[in-house]
PDB file of N, CA and C in Angstrom:
ATOM      1  N   MET A   1       0.950  -1.138   0.008  1.00  0.00           N
ATOM      2  CA  MET A   1       0.112   0.046   0.009  1.00  0.00           C
ATOM      3  C   MET A   1       0.801   1.185   0.085  1.00  0.00           C
ATOM      4  N   ARG A   2       2.012   1.245   0.757  1.00  0.00           N
ATOM      5  CA  ARG A   2       2.809   2.488   0.712  1.00  0.00           C
ATOM      6  C   ARG A   2       3.422   2.760  -0.609  1.00  0.00           C
ATOM      7  N   GLU A   3       3.732   1.712  -1.389  1.00  0.00           N
ATOM      8  CA  GLU A   3       4.214   1.880  -2.759  1.00  0.00           C
ATOM      9  C   GLU A   3       3.302   2.688  -3.624  1.00  0.00           C
ATOM     10  N   LEU A   4       1.889   2.182  -3.342  1.00  0.00           N
ATOM     11  CA  LEU A   4       0.827   2.719  -4.245  1.00  0.00           C
ATOM     12  C   LEU A   4       0.622   4.101  -3.732  1.00  0.00           C
ATOM     13  N   PHE A   5       0.723   4.448  -2.544  1.00  0.00           N
ATOM     14  CA  PHE A   5       0.526   5.777  -2.028  1.00  0.00           C
ATOM     15  C   PHE A   5       1.650   6.749  -2.528  1.00  0.00           C
ATOM     16  N   ARG A   6       2.805   6.178  -2.563  1.00  0.00           N
ATOM     17  CA  ARG A   6       4.000   6.990  -3.119  1.00  0.00           C
ATOM     18  C   ARG A   6       3.818   7.226  -4.599  1.00  0.00           C
ATOM     19  N   LEU A   7       3.337   6.328  -5.196  1.00  0.00           N
ATOM     20  CA  LEU A   7       3.087   6.575  -6.758  1.00  0.00           C
ATOM     21  C   LEU A   7       2.079   7.706  -7.028  1.00  0.00           C
ATOM     22  N   ILE A   8       0.959   7.515  -6.290  1.00  0.00           N
ATOM     23  CA  ILE A   8      -0.063   8.443  -6.436  1.00  0.00           C
ATOM     24  C   ILE A   8       0.358   9.832  -5.947  1.00  0.00           C
ATOM     25  N   ASP A   9       1.276   9.859  -4.994  1.00  0.00           N
ATOM     26  CA  ASP A   9       1.772  11.270  -4.587  1.00  0.00           C
ATOM     27  C   ASP A   9       2.597  11.847  -5.577  1.00  0.00           C
ATOM     28  N   TRP A  10       3.547  10.923  -6.170  1.00  0.00           N
ATOM     29  CA  TRP A  10       4.389  11.357  -7.197  1.00  0.00           C
ATOM     30  C   TRP A  10       3.715  11.763  -8.416  1.00  0.00           C
ATOM     31  N   ILE A  11       2.570  11.228  -8.899  1.00  0.00           N
ATOM     32  CA  ILE A  11       1.936  11.550 -10.103  1.00  0.00           C
ATOM     33  C   ILE A  11       0.885  12.811  -9.901  1.00  0.00           C
ATOM     34  N   MET A  12       0.318  12.819  -8.688  1.00  0.00           N
ATOM     35  CA  MET A  12      -0.690  13.879  -8.551  1.00  0.00           C
ATOM     36  C   MET A  12      -0.127  14.939  -7.718  1.00  0.00           C
ATOM     37  N   THR A  13      -0.363  16.194  -8.068  1.00  0.00           N
ATOM     38  CA  THR A  13      -0.110  17.391  -7.324  1.00  0.00           C
ATOM     39  C   THR A  13      -1.355  18.029  -6.927  1.00  0.00           C
ATOM     40  N   LEU A  14      -1.680  17.966  -5.624  1.00  0.00           N
ATOM     41  CA  LEU A  14      -2.869  18.510  -5.128  1.00  0.00           C
ATOM     42  C   LEU A  14      -2.767  19.959  -4.607  1.00  0.00           C
ATOM     43  N   PRO A  15      -3.900  20.862  -4.486  1.00  0.00           N
ATOM     44  CA  PRO A  15      -3.822  21.912  -3.795  1.00  0.00           C
ATOM     45  C   PRO A  15      -3.733  21.680  -2.327  1.00  0.00           C
ATOM     46  N   GLU A  16      -3.104  22.633  -1.533  1.00  0.00           N
ATOM     47  CA  GLU A  16      -2.665  22.471  -0.159  1.00  0.00           C
ATOM     48  C   GLU A  16      -3.724  21.803   0.556  1.00  0.00           C
ATOM     49  N   ASP A  17      -4.934  22.389   0.468  1.00  0.00           N
ATOM     50  CA  ASP A  17      -6.130  21.841   1.393  1.00  0.00           C
ATOM     51  C   ASP A  17      -6.394  20.374   1.246  1.00  0.00           C
ATOM     52  N   LEU A  18      -6.440  20.045  -0.076  1.00  0.00           N
ATOM     53  CA  LEU A  18      -6.535  18.696  -0.485  1.00  0.00           C
ATOM     54  C   LEU A  18      -5.468  17.793  -0.092  1.00  0.00           C
ATOM     55  N   ASP A  19      -4.358  18.309  -0.309  1.00  0.00           N
ATOM     56  CA  ASP A  19      -3.028  17.564   0.036  1.00  0.00           C
ATOM     57  C   ASP A  19      -3.073  17.263   1.604  1.00  0.00           C
ATOM     58  N   GLU A  20      -3.547  18.139   2.333  1.00  0.00           N
ATOM     59  CA  GLU A  20      -3.576  17.842   3.898  1.00  0.00           C
ATOM     60  C   GLU A  20      -4.741  16.723   4.143  1.00  0.00           C
ATOM     61  N   ALA A  21      -5.903  16.988   3.467  1.00  0.00           N
ATOM     62  CA  ALA A  21      -6.923  15.880   3.563  1.00  0.00           C
ATOM     63  C   ALA A  21      -6.457  14.536   3.249  1.00  0.00           C
ATOM     64  N   TRP A  22      -5.545  14.479   1.978  1.00  0.00           N
ATOM     65  CA  TRP A  22      -5.129  13.173   1.561  1.00  0.00           C
ATOM     66  C   TRP A  22      -4.249  12.545   2.535  1.00  0.00           C
ATOM     67  N   ARG A  23      -3.353  13.319   3.246  1.00  0.00           N
ATOM     68  CA  ARG A  23      -2.296  12.983   4.275  1.00  0.00           C
ATOM     69  C   ARG A  23      -3.042  12.486   5.322  1.00  0.00           C
ATOM     70  N   THR A  24      -4.196  13.272   5.858  1.00  0.00           N
ATOM     71  CA  THR A  24      -4.941  12.806   6.969  1.00  0.00           C
ATOM     72  C   THR A  24      -5.662  11.442   6.726  1.00  0.00           C
ATOM     73  N   GLU A  25      -6.282  11.226   5.528  1.00  0.00           N
ATOM     74  CA  GLU A  25      -6.840   9.855   5.082  1.00  0.00           C
ATOM     75  C   GLU A  25      -5.750   8.737   5.130  1.00  0.00           C
ATOM     76  N   ILE A  26      -4.517   8.969   4.610  1.00  0.00           N
ATOM     77  CA  ILE A  26      -3.546   7.965   4.713  1.00  0.00           C
ATOM     78  C   ILE A  26      -3.214   7.575   6.003  1.00  0.00           C
ATOM     79  N   TYR A  27      -3.024   8.463   6.941  1.00  0.00           N
ATOM     80  CA  TYR A  27      -2.722   8.214   8.374  1.00  0.00           C
ATOM     81  C   TYR A  27      -3.860   7.471   9.009  1.00  0.00           C
ATOM     82  N   GLU A  28      -5.012   7.875   8.806  1.00  0.00           N
ATOM     83  CA  GLU A  28      -6.148   7.124   9.392  1.00  0.00           C
ATOM     84  C   GLU A  28      -6.214   5.732   8.763  1.00  0.00           C
ATOM     85  N   PHE A  29      -5.892   5.521   7.667  1.00  0.00           N
ATOM     86  CA  PHE A  29      -5.900   4.174   6.899  1.00  0.00           C
ATOM     87  C   PHE A  29      -4.903   3.406   7.630  1.00  0.00           C
ATOM     88  N   GLU A  30      -3.532   3.965   7.777  1.00  0.00           N
ATOM     89  CA  GLU A  30      -2.562   3.110   8.487  1.00  0.00           C
ATOM     90  C   GLU A  30      -2.830   2.744   9.905  1.00  0.00           C
ATOM     91  N   GLU A  31      -3.440   3.679  10.525  1.00  0.00           N
ATOM     92  CA  GLU A  31      -3.847   3.542  12.133  1.00  0.00           C
ATOM     93  C   GLU A  31      -4.904   2.390  12.083  1.00  0.00           C
ATOM     94  N   GLU A  32      -5.844   2.343  11.166  1.00  0.00           N
ATOM     95  CA  GLU A  32      -6.869   1.184  11.157  1.00  0.00           C
ATOM     96  C   GLU A  32      -6.156  -0.050  10.953  1.00  0.00           C
ATOM     97  N   GLN A  33      -5.147  -0.090  10.009  1.00  0.00           N
ATOM     98  CA  GLN A  33      -4.495  -1.330   9.732  1.00  0.00           C
ATOM     99  C   GLN A  33      -3.550  -1.842  10.914  1.00  0.00           C
ATOM    100  N   LYS A  34      -3.262  -0.856  11.802  1.00  0.00           N
ATOM    101  CA  LYS A  34      -2.207  -1.133  12.867  1.00  0.00           C
ATOM    102  C   LYS A  34      -0.884  -1.580  12.618  1.00  0.00           C
ATOM    103  N   MET A  35      -0.670  -2.185  11.439  1.00  0.00           N
ATOM    104  CA  MET A  35       0.599  -2.515  11.111  1.00  0.00           C
ATOM    105  C   MET A  35       0.868  -2.277   9.667  1.00  0.00           C
ATOM    106  N   PRO A  36       1.918  -1.774   9.171  1.00  0.00           N
ATOM    107  CA  PRO A  36       2.169  -1.629   7.690  1.00  0.00           C
ATOM    108  C   PRO A  36       2.262  -3.110   7.135  1.00  0.00           C
ATOM    109  N   TYR A  37       2.080  -3.157   5.961  1.00  0.00           N
ATOM    110  CA  TYR A  37       2.447  -4.457   5.122  1.00  0.00           C
ATOM    111  C   TYR A  37       3.819  -4.966   5.436  1.00  0.00           C
ATOM    112  N   ILE A  38       4.096  -6.202   5.766  1.00  0.00           N
ATOM    113  CA  ILE A  38       5.289  -6.843   5.786  1.00  0.00           C
ATOM    114  C   ILE A  38       5.430  -7.841   4.724  1.00  0.00           C
ATOM    115  N   THR A  39       6.656  -7.742   3.995  1.00  0.00           N
ATOM    116  CA  THR A  39       6.894  -8.609   3.010  1.00  0.00           C
ATOM    117  C   THR A  39       7.291 -10.023   3.560  1.00  0.00           C
ATOM    118  N   SER A  40       7.175 -11.039   2.603  1.00  0.00           N
ATOM    119  CA  SER A  40       7.445 -12.282   2.862  1.00  0.00           C
ATOM    120  C   SER A  40       8.944 -12.375   3.438  1.00  0.00           C
ATOM    121  N   ILE A  41       9.940 -11.680   2.863  1.00  0.00           N
ATOM    122  CA  ILE A  41      11.136 -11.742   3.273  1.00  0.00           C
ATOM    123  C   ILE A  41      11.384 -11.129   4.784  1.00  0.00           C
ATOM    124  N   GLU A  42      10.615 -10.012   4.990  1.00  0.00           N
ATOM    125  CA  GLU A  42      10.471  -9.504   6.350  1.00  0.00           C
ATOM    126  C   GLU A  42       9.895 -10.263   7.401  1.00  0.00           C
ATOM    127  N   ARG A  43       8.889 -11.038   6.988  1.00  0.00           N
ATOM    128  CA  ARG A  43       8.214 -12.103   7.943  1.00  0.00           C
ATOM    129  C   ARG A  43       9.337 -13.327   8.258  1.00  0.00           C
ATOM    130  N   LEU A  44      10.043 -13.717   7.186  1.00  0.00           N
ATOM    131  CA  LEU A  44      10.936 -14.734   7.426  1.00  0.00           C
ATOM    132  C   LEU A  44      12.006 -14.159   8.427  1.00  0.00           C
ATOM    133  N   ALA A  45      12.391 -12.942   8.305  1.00  0.00           N
ATOM    134  CA  ALA A  45      13.554 -12.278   9.123  1.00  0.00           C
ATOM    135  C   ALA A  45      13.046 -12.048  10.560  1.00  0.00           C
ATOM    136  N   LEU A  46      11.733 -11.702  10.776  1.00  0.00           N
ATOM    137  CA  LEU A  46      11.079 -11.632  12.055  1.00  0.00           C
ATOM    138  C   LEU A  46      11.158 -13.001  12.661  1.00  0.00           C
ATOM    139  N   LYS A  47      10.733 -14.132  11.886  1.00  0.00           N
ATOM    140  CA  LYS A  47      10.541 -15.419  12.565  1.00  0.00           C
ATOM    141  C   LYS A  47      11.880 -15.876  12.940  1.00  0.00           C
ATOM    142  N   ARG A  48      12.915 -15.667  12.125  1.00  0.00           N
ATOM    143  CA  ARG A  48      14.319 -16.078  12.503  1.00  0.00           C
ATOM    144  C   ARG A  48      14.783 -15.480  13.551  1.00  0.00           C
ATOM    145  N   GLY A  49      14.568 -14.061  13.652  1.00  0.00           N
ATOM    146  CA  GLY A  49      14.966 -13.285  14.832  1.00  0.00           C
ATOM    147  C   GLY A  49      14.405 -13.729  16.178  1.00  0.00           C
ATOM    148  N   ARG A  50      13.030 -13.972  16.028  1.00  0.00           N
ATOM    149  CA  ARG A  50      12.344 -14.658  17.263  1.00  0.00           C
ATOM    150  C   ARG A  50      12.987 -15.913  17.727  1.00  0.00           C
ATOM    151  N   GLU A  51      13.217 -16.797  16.787  1.00  0.00           N
ATOM    152  CA  GLU A  51      13.886 -18.162  16.954  1.00  0.00           C
ATOM    153  C   GLU A  51      15.208 -18.048  17.733  1.00  0.00           C
ATOM    154  N   GLU A  52      15.996 -17.115  16.998  1.00  0.00           N
ATOM    155  CA  GLU A  52      17.311 -16.903  17.654  1.00  0.00           C
ATOM    156  C   GLU A  52      17.230 -16.205  18.962  1.00  0.00           C
ATOM    157  N   GLY A  53      16.399 -15.433  19.082  1.00  0.00           N
ATOM    158  CA  GLY A  53      16.104 -14.780  20.695  1.00  0.00           C
ATOM    159  C   GLY A  53      15.661 -15.879  21.638  1.00  0.00           C
ATOM    160  N   LEU A  54      14.725 -16.706  21.244  1.00  0.00           N
ATOM    161  CA  LEU A  54      14.285 -17.860  22.081  1.00  0.00           C
ATOM    162  C   LEU A  54      15.415 -18.759  22.390  1.00  0.00           C
ATOM    163  N   GLU A  55      16.295 -19.143  21.400  1.00  0.00           N
ATOM    164  CA  GLU A  55      17.516 -19.983  21.550  1.00  0.00           C
ATOM    165  C   GLU A  55      18.386 -19.320  22.576  1.00  0.00           C
ATOM    166  N   LYS A  56      18.665 -17.931  22.512  1.00  0.00           N
ATOM    167  CA  LYS A  56      19.658 -17.267  23.176  1.00  0.00           C
ATOM    168  C   LYS A  56      19.173 -17.188  24.741  1.00  0.00           C
ATOM    169  N   GLY A  57      17.845 -17.004  24.760  1.00  0.00           N
ATOM    170  CA  GLY A  57      17.180 -17.020  26.165  1.00  0.00           C
ATOM    171  C   GLY A  57      17.209 -18.408  27.044  1.00  0.00           C
ATOM    172  N   ARG A  58      17.040 -19.518  26.094  1.00  0.00           N
ATOM    173  CA  ARG A  58      17.175 -20.752  26.735  1.00  0.00           C
ATOM    174  C   ARG A  58      18.604 -21.016  27.107  1.00  0.00           C
ATOM    175  N   ALA A  59      19.481 -20.669  26.368  1.00  0.00           N
ATOM    176  CA  ALA A  59      20.920 -20.902  26.539  1.00  0.00           C
ATOM    177  C   ALA A  59      21.308 -20.103  27.903  1.00  0.00           C
ATOM    178  N   GLU A  60      20.716 -18.868  27.874  1.00  0.00           N
ATOM    179  CA  GLU A  60      21.179 -18.054  29.193  1.00  0.00           C
ATOM    180  C   GLU A  60      20.510 -18.579  30.362  1.00  0.00           C
ATOM    181  N   GLY A  61      19.243 -19.153  30.261  1.00  0.00           N
ATOM    182  CA  GLY A  61      18.725 -19.785  31.606  1.00  0.00           C
ATOM    183  C   GLY A  61      19.466 -20.905  31.894  1.00  0.00           C
ATOM    184  N   ILE A  62      19.812 -21.852  31.012  1.00  0.00           N
ATOM    185  CA  ILE A  62      20.538 -23.183  31.302  1.00  0.00           C
ATOM    186  C   ILE A  62      21.835 -22.723  31.839  1.00  0.00           C
ATOM    187  N   LEU A  63      22.560 -21.683  31.420  1.00  0.00           N
ATOM    188  CA  LEU A  63      23.784 -21.280  31.825  1.00  0.00           C
ATOM    189  C   LEU A  63      23.771 -20.749  33.498  1.00  0.00           C
ATOM    190  N   GLU A  64      22.594 -20.010  33.727  1.00  0.00           N
ATOM    191  CA  GLU A  64      22.436 -19.546  35.097  1.00  0.00           C
ATOM    192  C   GLU A  64      22.300 -20.851  35.941  1.00  0.00           C
ATOM    193  N   GLY A  65      21.761 -21.871  35.553  1.00  0.00           N
ATOM    194  CA  GLY A  65      21.580 -23.109  36.628  1.00  0.00           C
ATOM    195  C   GLY A  65      22.877 -23.761  36.643  1.00  0.00           C
ATOM    196  N   ILE A  66      23.800 -23.757  35.496  1.00  0.00           N
ATOM    197  CA  ILE A  66      25.057 -24.375  35.486  1.00  0.00           C
ATOM    198  C   ILE A  66      25.976 -23.489  36.405  1.00  0.00           C
ATOM    199  N   GLU A  67      25.762 -22.096  36.280  1.00  0.00           N
ATOM    200  CA  GLU A  67      26.719 -21.270  37.194  1.00  0.00           C
ATOM    201  C   GLU A  67      26.300 -21.665  38.632  1.00  0.00           C
ATOM    202  N   TRP A  68      24.990 -21.629  38.900  1.00  0.00           N
ATOM    203  CA  TRP A  68      24.762 -22.020  40.343  1.00  0.00           C
ATOM    204  C   TRP A  68      25.138 -23.298  40.874  1.00  0.00           C
ATOM    205  N   ASP A  69      25.025 -24.308  40.064  1.00  0.00           N
ATOM    206  CA  ASP A  69      25.594 -25.654  40.321  1.00  0.00           C
ATOM    207  C   ASP A  69      26.997 -25.719  40.573  1.00  0.00           C
ATOM    208  N   LEU A  70      27.680 -24.994  39.677  1.00  0.00           N
ATOM    209  CA  LEU A  70      29.187 -25.069  39.746  1.00  0.00           C
ATOM    210  C   LEU A  70      29.669 -24.402  40.953  1.00  0.00           C
ATOM    211  N   GLU A  71      29.022 -23.208  41.379  1.00  0.00           N
ATOM    212  CA  GLU A  71      29.449 -22.573  42.542  1.00  0.00           C
ATOM    213  C   GLU A  71      28.919 -23.164  43.809  1.00  0.00           C
ATOM    214  N   SER A  72      27.793 -23.787  43.785  1.00  0.00           N
ATOM    215  CA  SER A  72      27.310 -24.281  45.097  1.00  0.00           C
ATOM    216  C   SER A  72      28.086 -25.665  45.400  1.00  0.00           C
ATOM    217  N   LYS A  73      28.349 -26.461  44.342  1.00  0.00           N
ATOM    218  CA  LYS A  73      28.915 -27.742  44.546  1.00  0.00           C
ATOM    219  C   LYS A  73      30.494 -27.558  44.687  1.00  0.00           C
ATOM    220  N   PHE A  74      31.247 -26.733  43.908  1.00  0.00           N
ATOM    221  CA  PHE A  74      32.762 -26.606  43.794  1.00  0.00           C
ATOM    222  C   PHE A  74      33.339 -25.311  44.104  1.00  0.00           C
ATOM    223  N   GLY A  75      32.426 -24.317  44.605  1.00  0.00           N
ATOM    224  CA  GLY A  75      33.045 -22.985  45.040  1.00  0.00           C
ATOM    225  C   GLY A  75      33.695 -22.252  44.147  1.00  0.00           C
ATOM    226  N   SER A  76      34.741 -21.550  44.299  1.00  0.00           N
ATOM    227  CA  SER A  76      35.422 -20.809  43.339  1.00  0.00           C
ATOM    228  C   SER A  76      36.104 -21.573  42.328  1.00  0.00           C
ATOM    229  N   SER A  77      36.455 -22.702  42.571  1.00  0.00           N
ATOM    230  CA  SER A  77      37.093 -23.591  41.386  1.00  0.00           C
ATOM    231  C   SER A  77      35.995 -24.073  40.471  1.00  0.00           C
ATOM    232  N   GLY A  78      34.711 -24.249  40.797  1.00  0.00           N
ATOM    233  CA  GLY A  78      33.693 -24.422  39.990  1.00  0.00           C
ATOM    234  C   GLY A  78      33.436 -23.218  39.129  1.00  0.00           C
ATOM    235  N   ARG A  79      33.298 -22.059  39.801  1.00  0.00           N
ATOM    236  CA  ARG A  79      33.020 -20.843  39.062  1.00  0.00           C
ATOM    237  C   ARG A  79      33.996 -20.519  37.964  1.00  0.00           C
ATOM    238  N   LYS A  80      35.347 -20.926  38.178  1.00  0.00           N
ATOM    239  CA  LYS A  80      36.301 -20.664  37.170  1.00  0.00           C
ATOM    240  C   LYS A  80      36.071 -21.481  35.843  1.00  0.00           C
ATOM    241  N   LEU A  81      35.122 -22.491  35.860  1.00  0.00           N
ATOM    242  CA  LEU A  81      34.918 -23.239  34.913  1.00  0.00           C
ATOM    243  C   LEU A  81      33.745 -22.764  33.897  1.00  0.00           C
ATOM    244  N   LEU A  82      33.124 -21.595  34.437  1.00  0.00           N
ATOM    245  CA  LEU A  82      31.917 -21.178  33.570  1.00  0.00           C
ATOM    246  C   LEU A  82      32.312 -20.731  32.276  1.00  0.00           C
ATOM    247  N   PRO A  83      33.424 -20.133  32.104  1.00  0.00           N
ATOM    248  CA  PRO A  83      33.758 -19.773  30.626  1.00  0.00           C
ATOM    249  C   PRO A  83      33.839 -20.975  29.715  1.00  0.00           C
ATOM    250  N   ARG A  84      34.248 -22.049  30.149  1.00  0.00           N
ATOM    251  CA  ARG A  84      34.576 -23.282  29.433  1.00  0.00           C
ATOM    252  C   ARG A  84      33.000 -23.898  29.269  1.00  0.00           C
ATOM    253  N   ALA A  85      32.136 -23.715  30.006  1.00  0.00           N
ATOM    254  CA  ALA A  85      30.650 -24.125  29.984  1.00  0.00           C
ATOM    255  C   ALA A  85      30.045 -23.273  28.988  1.00  0.00           C
ATOM    256  N   ARG A  86      30.241 -22.086  28.984  1.00  0.00           N
ATOM    257  CA  ARG A  86      29.824 -21.116  28.126  1.00  0.00           C
ATOM    258  C   ARG A  86      30.147 -21.472  26.704  1.00  0.00           C
ATOM    259  N   ALA A  87      31.365 -22.001  26.481  1.00  0.00           N
ATOM    260  CA  ALA A  87      31.835 -22.360  25.122  1.00  0.00           C
ATOM    261  C   ALA A  87      31.260 -23.465  24.548  1.00  0.00           C
ATOM    262  N   LEU A  88      30.423 -24.251  25.434  1.00  0.00           N
ATOM    263  CA  LEU A  88      29.775 -25.325  24.780  1.00  0.00           C
ATOM    264  C   LEU A  88      28.812 -24.796  23.624  1.00  0.00           C
ATOM    265  N   GLY A  89      28.234 -23.684  23.705  1.00  0.00           N
ATOM    266  CA  GLY A  89      27.454 -23.121  22.770  1.00  0.00           C
ATOM    267  C   GLY A  89      26.155 -23.520  22.609  1.00  0.00           C
ATOM    268  N   SER A  90      25.663 -24.549  22.001  1.00  0.00           N
ATOM    269  CA  SER A  90      24.268 -25.016  21.795  1.00  0.00           C
ATOM    270  C   SER A  90      23.518 -25.309  22.897  1.00  0.00           C
ATOM    271  N   VAL A  91      22.228 -25.003  22.900  1.00  0.00           N
ATOM    272  CA  VAL A  91      21.376 -25.404  23.914  1.00  0.00           C
ATOM    273  C   VAL A  91      21.509 -26.898  24.305  1.00  0.00           C
ATOM    274  N   ALA A  92      21.518 -27.671  23.157  1.00  0.00           N
ATOM    275  CA  ALA A  92      21.394 -29.310  23.405  1.00  0.00           C
ATOM    276  C   ALA A  92      22.796 -29.554  24.198  1.00  0.00           C
ATOM    277  N   ALA A  93      23.871 -29.078  23.897  1.00  0.00           N
ATOM    278  CA  ALA A  93      25.290 -29.299  24.599  1.00  0.00           C
ATOM    279  C   ALA A  93      25.143 -28.688  26.122  1.00  0.00           C
ATOM    280  N   LEU A  94      24.536 -27.483  26.261  1.00  0.00           N
ATOM    281  CA  LEU A  94      24.520 -27.086  27.591  1.00  0.00           C
ATOM    282  C   LEU A  94      23.556 -27.815  28.484  1.00  0.00           C
ATOM    283  N   ARG A  95      22.374 -28.429  27.776  1.00  0.00           N
ATOM    284  CA  ARG A  95      21.471 -29.190  28.589  1.00  0.00           C
ATOM    285  C   ARG A  95      22.208 -30.463  29.071  1.00  0.00           C
ATOM    286  N   ARG A  96      23.120 -31.092  28.115  1.00  0.00           N
ATOM    287  CA  ARG A  96      23.709 -32.438  28.451  1.00  0.00           C
ATOM    288  C   ARG A  96      24.586 -32.068  29.676  1.00  0.00           C
ATOM    289  N   PHE A  97      25.440 -31.022  29.484  1.00  0.00           N
ATOM    290  CA  PHE A  97      26.301 -30.724  30.581  1.00  0.00           C
ATOM    291  C   PHE A  97      25.516 -30.592  31.876  1.00  0.00           C
ATOM    292  N   ALA A  98      24.557 -29.692  31.910  1.00  0.00           N
ATOM    293  CA  ALA A  98      23.735 -29.442  33.160  1.00  0.00           C
ATOM    294  C   ALA A  98      23.232 -30.800  33.788  1.00  0.00           C
ATOM    295  N   ARG A  99      22.799 -31.532  32.962  1.00  0.00           N
ATOM    296  CA  ARG A  99      22.509 -32.986  33.470  1.00  0.00           C
ATOM    297  C   ARG A  99      23.613 -33.730  34.146  1.00  0.00           C
ATOM    298  N   PHE A 100      24.675 -33.634  33.360  1.00  0.00           N
ATOM    299  CA  PHE A 100      25.870 -34.313  33.968  1.00  0.00           C
ATOM    300  C   PHE A 100      26.272 -33.725  35.294  1.00  0.00           C
ATOM    301  N   LEU A 101      26.282 -32.463  35.187  1.00  0.00           N
ATOM    302  CA  LEU A 101      26.694 -31.686  36.445  1.00  0.00           C
ATOM    303  C   LEU A 101      26.006 -32.079  37.876  1.00  0.00           C
ATOM    304  N   LYS A 102      24.576 -32.395  37.568  1.00  0.00           N
ATOM    305  CA  LYS A 102      23.929 -32.838  38.672  1.00  0.00           C
ATOM    306  C   LYS A 102      24.516 -33.963  39.432  1.00  0.00           C
ATOM    307  N   SER A 103      25.060 -34.917  38.606  1.00  0.00           N
ATOM    308  CA  SER A 103      25.726 -36.078  39.154  1.00  0.00           C
ATOM    309  C   SER A 103      27.078 -36.137  39.371  1.00  0.00           C
ATOM    310  N   ALA A 104      27.805 -35.221  38.886  1.00  0.00           N
ATOM    311  CA  ALA A 104      29.116 -34.941  39.054  1.00  0.00           C
ATOM    312  C   ALA A 104      29.651 -35.123  40.495  1.00  0.00           C
ATOM    313  N   LYS A 105      30.602 -35.901  40.758  1.00  0.00           N
ATOM    314  CA  LYS A 105      30.996 -36.074  42.302  1.00  0.00           C
ATOM    315  C   LYS A 105      32.146 -35.162  42.567  1.00  0.00           C
ATOM    316  N   ASN A 106      33.037 -34.815  41.677  1.00  0.00           N
ATOM    317  CA  ASN A 106      34.088 -33.965  41.961  1.00  0.00           C
ATOM    318  C   ASN A 106      34.505 -33.118  40.783  1.00  0.00           C
ATOM    319  N   ILE A 107      35.263 -32.052  41.066  1.00  0.00           N
ATOM    320  CA  ILE A 107      35.682 -31.136  40.112  1.00  0.00           C
ATOM    321  C   ILE A 107      36.578 -31.595  39.078  1.00  0.00           C
ATOM    322  N   GLU A 108      37.349 -32.756  39.254  1.00  0.00           N
ATOM    323  CA  GLU A 108      38.031 -33.238  38.227  1.00  0.00           C
ATOM    324  C   GLU A 108      37.106 -33.988  37.197  1.00  0.00           C
ATOM    325  N   GLN A 109      36.006 -34.608  37.562  1.00  0.00           N
ATOM    326  CA  GLN A 109      35.112 -35.010  36.573  1.00  0.00           C
ATOM    327  C   GLN A 109      34.565 -33.897  35.713  1.00  0.00           C
ATOM    328  N   VAL A 110      34.253 -32.813  36.192  1.00  0.00           N
ATOM    329  CA  VAL A 110      33.719 -31.604  35.385  1.00  0.00           C
ATOM    330  C   VAL A 110      34.846 -31.183  34.574  1.00  0.00           C
ATOM    331  N   ARG A 111      36.118 -30.948  35.068  1.00  0.00           N
ATOM    332  CA  ARG A 111      37.265 -30.397  34.219  1.00  0.00           C
ATOM    333  C   ARG A 111      37.241 -31.437  33.059  1.00  0.00           C
ATOM    334  N   SER A 112      37.289 -32.717  33.271  1.00  0.00           N
ATOM    335  CA  SER A 112      37.433 -33.735  32.244  1.00  0.00           C
ATOM    336  C   SER A 112      36.455 -33.625  31.224  1.00  0.00           C
ATOM    337  N   ARG A 113      35.240 -33.482  31.743  1.00  0.00           N
ATOM    338  CA  ARG A 113      33.968 -33.298  30.743  1.00  0.00           C
ATOM    339  C   ARG A 113      34.227 -32.072  29.846  1.00  0.00           C
ATOM    340  N   LEU A 114      34.789 -31.037  30.401  1.00  0.00           N
ATOM    341  CA  LEU A 114      34.925 -29.852  29.688  1.00  0.00           C
ATOM    342  C   LEU A 114      36.114 -29.722  28.866  1.00  0.00           C
ATOM    343  N   GLY A 115      36.948 -30.856  28.856  1.00  0.00           N
ATOM    344  CA  GLY A 115      37.927 -30.923  28.103  1.00  0.00           C
ATOM    345  C   GLY A 115      39.434 -30.196  28.548  1.00  0.00           C
ATOM    346  N   GLU A 116      39.377 -29.963  29.912  1.00  0.00           N
ATOM    347  CA  GLU A 116      40.423 -29.337  30.503  1.00  0.00           C
ATOM    348  C   GLU A 116      41.669 -30.356  30.949  1.00  0.00           C
TER     349      GLU A 116
END
């Protein structure tokens, strides 16, 4: 619709009072629509952005749990391993590590799992 309005605006030169009425009409139309038209590419980008945001949020939530477990079970030695845990990257890898961490008996097991 915006492109159509641009074309009409480019083709037509209106007297000032009609031009103002035209702008008002367009503004009201856009307000009624509540959202301008979004192309399929824009919709795909929005979907991808939402998915990436959800993935990042999940990872951060899991990392908070890992941080808590490392610190509560192993103190400052455990906290020092958090950067290695962050490097695991994917949500699936973080979940596996979090599950492992629940049953880890000592810091050496955790270090070994993280490849230290």
